[in-house]
């Protein structure tokens, strides 16, 4: 269990950046779609629709915040 949200995010970043498996995804981390597709391609998630679902959620939240 993490004491803060920052601790959780730091651990996630460390996990991805310390693994050779996710380096291609991290090269495109400035582009959310490329990053998510890269994670999916590297086997981060077992759901073949992982990237599309996360992008859909991101778009929904962005639209809600814009209102």
Foldseek 3Di string as FASTA:
>chain_A
DDPDPVVVVVVVVCVQVVDPLQPQLVVVVVDLLSNQVSCVVSPVDPDNCRSVVVVVVVVVVVVVVVD
